[in-house]
Amino acid sequence: MDEWSDDTYSNGIFLLCVNGILFPERIFTATLGIEIECLKRNLLDIPIDEELFNEEKEEAFLTIYNITFPLWSDDDSIENDYQYYISPIEIADYGCIIFAVNNGEQIRIMATNLNKLSYDKEKSTYDFSNVDISETFITQEEMKEMILELEQVLVNLI
């Protein structure tokens, strides 16, 4: 959107669609170069983990969530591990969490909106008992095409 942009930044609307569901569900202004570059970078190195790839959707999502955002503890050796986390900055700011895992042939993408979940302050985590997870599977080739398209969009923003 030229009206939203200047000589330094290209602003516009940036949403991700996972299995027909938009993340986030509302339109917001995003700095496109930053968001697209972040997404492209996150898509380049999706880890291969066949066991995690084959888990039931809710179990896989919760496992990845706990790897990415482990519960606080007195054990300082436990750190956040963002290897499965592909949410661009602004989309995450709106409460949308998007993960991806690879089995060597396909990539499994799972997304939810944390704003729709209740938060348990005592446990310092969300209540995932009724989580609604959107999920899709794409091939390695489709992922490569998507990354090339993102690179082309970035070139055209300049």
C-alpha atoms as a PDB file:
ATOM      1  CA  MET A   1       0.000   0.000   0.000  1.00  0.00           C
ATOM      2  CA  ASP A   2       1.773   3.099  -1.226  1.00  0.00           C
ATOM      3  CA  GLU A   3      -0.254   5.335   1.093  1.00  0.00           C
ATOM      4  CA  TRP A   4       1.066   3.397   4.125  1.00  0.00           C
ATOM      5  CA  SER A   5       4.688   3.330   2.981  1.00  0.00           C
ATOM      6  CA  ASP A   6       7.632   5.698   2.690  1.00  0.00           C
ATOM      7  CA  ASP A   7      11.102   5.626   1.109  1.00  0.00           C
ATOM      8  CA  THR A   8      12.399   3.315   3.841  1.00  0.00           C
ATOM      9  CA  TYR A   9       9.598   0.838   4.522  1.00  0.00           C
ATOM     10  CA  SER A  10       6.958  -0.897   2.417  1.00  0.00           C
ATOM     11  CA  ASN A  11       3.864  -1.402   4.521  1.00  0.00           C
ATOM     12  CA  GLY A  12       0.841  -3.464   3.684  1.00  0.00           C
ATOM     13  CA  ILE A  13      -1.365  -6.329   4.770  1.00  0.00           C
ATOM     14  CA  PHE A  14       0.324  -9.586   5.730  1.00  0.00           C
ATOM     15  CA  LEU A  15      -1.651 -12.696   6.668  1.00  0.00           C
ATOM     16  CA  LEU A  16      -0.814 -16.384   6.536  1.00  0.00           C
ATOM     17  CA  CYS A  17      -3.311 -19.038   5.520  1.00  0.00           C
ATOM     18  CA  VAL A  18      -3.070 -22.554   6.950  1.00  0.00           C
ATOM     19  CA  ASN A  19      -5.679 -24.959   5.607  1.00  0.00           C
ATOM     20  CA  GLY A  20      -8.095 -22.141   4.775  1.00  0.00           C
ATOM     21  CA  ILE A  21      -7.749 -20.329   8.117  1.00  0.00           C
ATOM     22  CA  LEU A  22      -6.159 -16.865   8.191  1.00  0.00           C
ATOM     23  CA  PHE A  23      -3.581 -15.957  10.830  1.00  0.00           C
ATOM     24  CA  PRO A  24      -4.229 -13.558  12.399  1.00  0.00           C
ATOM     25  CA  GLU A  25      -7.962 -13.282  11.847  1.00  0.00           C
ATOM     26  CA  ARG A  26      -7.853  -9.515  11.606  1.00  0.00           C
ATOM     27  CA  ILE A  27      -6.204  -7.210   9.131  1.00  0.00           C
ATOM     28  CA  PHE A  28      -3.226  -5.239  10.405  1.00  0.00           C
ATOM     29  CA  THR A  29      -0.508  -3.080   8.928  1.00  0.00           C
ATOM     30  CA  ALA A  30       2.808  -4.862   8.612  1.00  0.00           C
ATOM     31  CA  THR A  31       6.274  -3.837   7.508  1.00  0.00           C
ATOM     32  CA  LEU A  32       6.372  -6.253   4.605  1.00  0.00           C
ATOM     33  CA  GLY A  33      10.124  -6.488   4.082  1.00  0.00           C
ATOM     34  CA  ILE A  34      10.692  -7.449   7.705  1.00  0.00           C
ATOM     35  CA  GLU A  35       7.805  -9.921   7.904  1.00  0.00           C
ATOM     36  CA  ILE A  36       8.552 -11.638   4.599  1.00  0.00           C
ATOM     37  CA  GLU A  37      12.285 -11.877   5.338  1.00  0.00           C
ATOM     38  CA  CYS A  38      11.513 -13.360   8.774  1.00  0.00           C
ATOM     39  CA  LEU A  39       9.126 -15.928   7.278  1.00  0.00           C
ATOM     40  CA  LYS A  40      11.569 -16.837   4.502  1.00  0.00           C
ATOM     41  CA  ARG A  41      14.409 -17.338   6.997  1.00  0.00           C
ATOM     42  CA  ASN A  42      12.204 -19.494   9.235  1.00  0.00           C
ATOM     43  CA  LEU A  43      11.142 -21.692   6.306  1.00  0.00           C
ATOM     44  CA  LEU A  44      14.685 -22.390   5.136  1.00  0.00           C
ATOM     45  CA  ASP A  45      15.706 -24.753   7.915  1.00  0.00           C
ATOM     46  CA  ILE A  46      12.719 -26.751   9.128  1.00  0.00           C
ATOM     47  CA  PRO A  47      14.095 -29.662  11.156  1.00  0.00           C
ATOM     48  CA  ILE A  48      13.555 -33.275  10.214  1.00  0.00           C
ATOM     49  CA  ASP A  49      11.941 -35.279  13.003  1.00  0.00           C
ATOM     50  CA  GLU A  50       9.938 -38.252  11.730  1.00  0.00           C
ATOM     51  CA  GLU A  51       8.641 -39.244  15.155  1.00  0.00           C
ATOM     52  CA  LEU A  52       7.274 -35.764  15.842  1.00  0.00           C
ATOM     53  CA  PHE A  53       5.978 -35.500  12.272  1.00  0.00           C
ATOM     54  CA  ASN A  54       3.925 -38.676  12.762  1.00  0.00           C
ATOM     55  CA  GLU A  55       2.387 -37.789  16.138  1.00  0.00           C
ATOM     56  CA  GLU A  56      -1.314 -36.933  16.420  1.00  0.00           C
ATOM     57  CA  LYS A  57      -1.937 -33.258  15.642  1.00  0.00           C
ATOM     58  CA  GLU A  58      -2.667 -32.050  19.200  1.00  0.00           C
ATOM     59  CA  GLU A  59       0.177 -34.093  20.677  1.00  0.00           C
ATOM     60  CA  ALA A  60       2.670 -32.866  18.069  1.00  0.00           C
ATOM     61  CA  PHE A  61       1.611 -29.263  18.550  1.00  0.00           C
ATOM     62  CA  LEU A  62       1.867 -29.448  22.336  1.00  0.00           C
ATOM     63  CA  THR A  63       5.247 -31.196  22.172  1.00  0.00           C
ATOM     64  CA  ILE A  64       6.621 -28.500  19.881  1.00  0.00           C
ATOM     65  CA  TYR A  65       5.052 -25.751  21.990  1.00  0.00           C
ATOM     66  CA  ASN A  66       6.766 -27.115  25.109  1.00  0.00           C
ATOM     67  CA  ILE A  67      10.099 -27.333  23.275  1.00  0.00           C
ATOM     68  CA  THR A  68       9.724 -23.776  22.034  1.00  0.00           C
ATOM     69  CA  PHE A  69       8.306 -22.277  25.221  1.00  0.00           C
ATOM     70  CA  PRO A  70       9.303 -24.563  28.112  1.00  0.00           C
ATOM     71  CA  LEU A  71       7.691 -23.933  31.469  1.00  0.00           C
ATOM     72  CA  TRP A  72       9.723 -21.790  33.798  1.00  0.00           C
ATOM     73  CA  SER A  73      11.772 -23.738  36.289  1.00  0.00           C
ATOM     74  CA  ASP A  74      14.699 -23.305  38.630  1.00  0.00           C
ATOM     75  CA  ASP A  75      16.807 -25.255  36.145  1.00  0.00           C
ATOM     76  CA  ASP A  76      18.701 -22.562  34.223  1.00  0.00           C
ATOM     77  CA  SER A  77      19.841 -25.103  31.607  1.00  0.00           C
ATOM     78  CA  ILE A  78      16.359 -25.280  30.019  1.00  0.00           C
ATOM     79  CA  GLU A  79      16.213 -22.824  27.133  1.00  0.00           C
ATOM     80  CA  ASN A  80      13.702 -21.958  24.455  1.00  0.00           C
ATOM     81  CA  ASP A  81      14.317 -23.900  21.243  1.00  0.00           C
ATOM     82  CA  TYR A  82      12.841 -22.080  18.252  1.00  0.00           C
ATOM     83  CA  GLN A  83      13.803 -24.587  15.547  1.00  0.00           C
ATOM     84  CA  TYR A  84      10.154 -25.502  14.736  1.00  0.00           C
ATOM     85  CA  TYR A  85       8.798 -21.972  15.166  1.00  0.00           C
ATOM     86  CA  ILE A  86       7.995 -20.192  11.886  1.00  0.00           C
ATOM     87  CA  SER A  87       5.684 -17.364  13.040  1.00  0.00           C
ATOM     88  CA  PRO A  88       6.767 -13.991  11.658  1.00  0.00           C
ATOM     89  CA  ILE A  89       7.110 -11.215  14.256  1.00  0.00           C
ATOM     90  CA  GLU A  90       3.849  -9.318  13.707  1.00  0.00           C
ATOM     91  CA  ILE A  91       1.747 -12.462  13.395  1.00  0.00           C
ATOM     92  CA  ALA A  92       3.174 -13.724  16.699  1.00  0.00           C
ATOM     93  CA  ASP A  93       2.399 -10.318  18.245  1.00  0.00           C
ATOM     94  CA  TYR A  94      -1.263 -11.028  17.466  1.00  0.00           C
ATOM     95  CA  GLY A  95      -1.093 -14.321  19.363  1.00  0.00           C
ATOM     96  CA  CYS A  96      -0.692 -16.629  16.378  1.00  0.00           C
ATOM     97  CA  ILE A  97       1.738 -19.499  16.775  1.00  0.00           C
ATOM     98  CA  ILE A  98       2.853 -21.414  13.698  1.00  0.00           C
ATOM     99  CA  PHE A  99       5.116 -24.465  13.814  1.00  0.00           C
ATOM    100  CA  ALA A 100       6.587 -26.686  11.110  1.00  0.00           C
ATOM    101  CA  VAL A 101       8.252 -30.085  11.163  1.00  0.00           C
ATOM    102  CA  ASN A 102       9.755 -32.059   8.318  1.00  0.00           C
ATOM    103  CA  ASN A 103       9.925 -35.807   7.658  1.00  0.00           C
ATOM    104  CA  GLY A 104      12.377 -35.496   4.765  1.00  0.00           C
ATOM    105  CA  GLU A 105       9.645 -35.617   2.116  1.00  0.00           C
ATOM    106  CA  GLN A 106       6.833 -33.430   3.431  1.00  0.00           C
ATOM    107  CA  ILE A 107       6.506 -30.488   5.751  1.00  0.00           C
ATOM    108  CA  ARG A 108       3.737 -30.399   8.320  1.00  0.00           C
ATOM    109  CA  ILE A 109       2.549 -26.909   9.282  1.00  0.00           C
ATOM    110  CA  MET A 110       0.385 -26.377  12.370  1.00  0.00           C
ATOM    111  CA  ALA A 111      -1.074 -23.079  13.581  1.00  0.00           C
ATOM    112  CA  THR A 112      -3.354 -21.733  16.276  1.00  0.00           C
ATOM    113  CA  ASN A 113      -4.389 -18.443  17.820  1.00  0.00           C
ATOM    114  CA  LEU A 114      -3.405 -18.353  21.489  1.00  0.00           C
ATOM    115  CA  ASN A 115      -5.851 -15.487  22.089  1.00  0.00           C
ATOM    116  CA  LYS A 116      -8.659 -18.050  21.837  1.00  0.00           C
ATOM    117  CA  LEU A 117      -7.250 -20.088  24.741  1.00  0.00           C
ATOM    118  CA  SER A 118      -7.514 -19.405  28.433  1.00  0.00           C
ATOM    119  CA  TYR A 119      -4.288 -18.693  30.282  1.00  0.00           C
ATOM    120  CA  ASP A 120      -3.504 -20.419  33.569  1.00  0.00           C
ATOM    121  CA  LYS A 121      -1.534 -17.864  35.613  1.00  0.00           C
ATOM    122  CA  GLU A 122      -0.618 -20.391  38.310  1.00  0.00           C
ATOM    123  CA  LYS A 123       1.008 -22.718  35.788  1.00  0.00           C
ATOM    124  CA  SER A 124       2.193 -19.866  33.536  1.00  0.00           C
ATOM    125  CA  THR A 125       0.860 -21.555  30.435  1.00  0.00           C
ATOM    126  CA  TYR A 126      -2.172 -21.801  28.197  1.00  0.00           C
ATOM    127  CA  ASP A 127      -4.938 -24.367  28.613  1.00  0.00           C
ATOM    128  CA  PHE A 128      -4.600 -26.489  25.473  1.00  0.00           C
ATOM    129  CA  SER A 129      -7.496 -28.824  26.293  1.00  0.00           C
ATOM    130  CA  ASN A 130      -9.726 -27.258  23.586  1.00  0.00           C
ATOM    131  CA  VAL A 131      -7.089 -25.971  21.215  1.00  0.00           C
ATOM    132  CA  ASP A 132      -8.159 -25.527  17.583  1.00  0.00           C
ATOM    133  CA  ILE A 133      -5.174 -26.317  15.374  1.00  0.00           C
ATOM    134  CA  SER A 134      -5.148 -25.676  11.642  1.00  0.00           C
ATOM    135  CA  GLU A 135      -2.848 -28.053   9.825  1.00  0.00           C
ATOM    136  CA  THR A 136      -1.568 -28.632   6.328  1.00  0.00           C
ATOM    137  CA  PHE A 137       1.079 -30.731   4.608  1.00  0.00           C
ATOM    138  CA  ILE A 138       3.223 -29.561   1.705  1.00  0.00           C
ATOM    139  CA  THR A 139       6.003 -31.203  -0.261  1.00  0.00           C
ATOM    140  CA  GLN A 140       9.636 -30.146  -0.169  1.00  0.00           C
ATOM    141  CA  GLU A 141       9.221 -28.913  -3.743  1.00  0.00           C
ATOM    142  CA  GLU A 142       6.216 -26.758  -2.808  1.00  0.00           C
ATOM    143  CA  MET A 143       8.251 -25.272   0.043  1.00  0.00           C
ATOM    144  CA  LYS A 144      11.122 -24.436  -2.312  1.00  0.00           C
ATOM    145  CA  GLU A 145       8.651 -22.705  -4.667  1.00  0.00           C
ATOM    146  CA  MET A 146       7.161 -20.752  -1.779  1.00  0.00           C
ATOM    147  CA  ILE A 147      10.600 -19.561  -0.664  1.00  0.00           C
ATOM    148  CA  LEU A 148      11.449 -18.490  -4.224  1.00  0.00           C
ATOM    149  CA  GLU A 149       8.176 -16.540  -4.407  1.00  0.00           C
ATOM    150  CA  LEU A 150       8.958 -14.834  -1.097  1.00  0.00           C
ATOM    151  CA  GLU A 151      12.400 -13.883  -2.421  1.00  0.00           C
ATOM    152  CA  GLN A 152      10.786 -12.404  -5.542  1.00  0.00           C
ATOM    153  CA  VAL A 153       8.366 -10.359  -3.444  1.00  0.00           C
ATOM    154  CA  LEU A 154      11.311  -9.034  -1.412  1.00  0.00           C
ATOM    155  CA  VAL A 155      13.135  -8.010  -4.614  1.00  0.00           C
ATOM    156  CA  ASN A 156      10.017  -6.186  -5.832  1.00  0.00           C
ATOM    157  CA  LEU A 157       9.673  -4.284  -2.532  1.00  0.00           C
ATOM    158  CA  ILE A 158      13.021  -2.584  -3.062  1.00  0.00           C
END
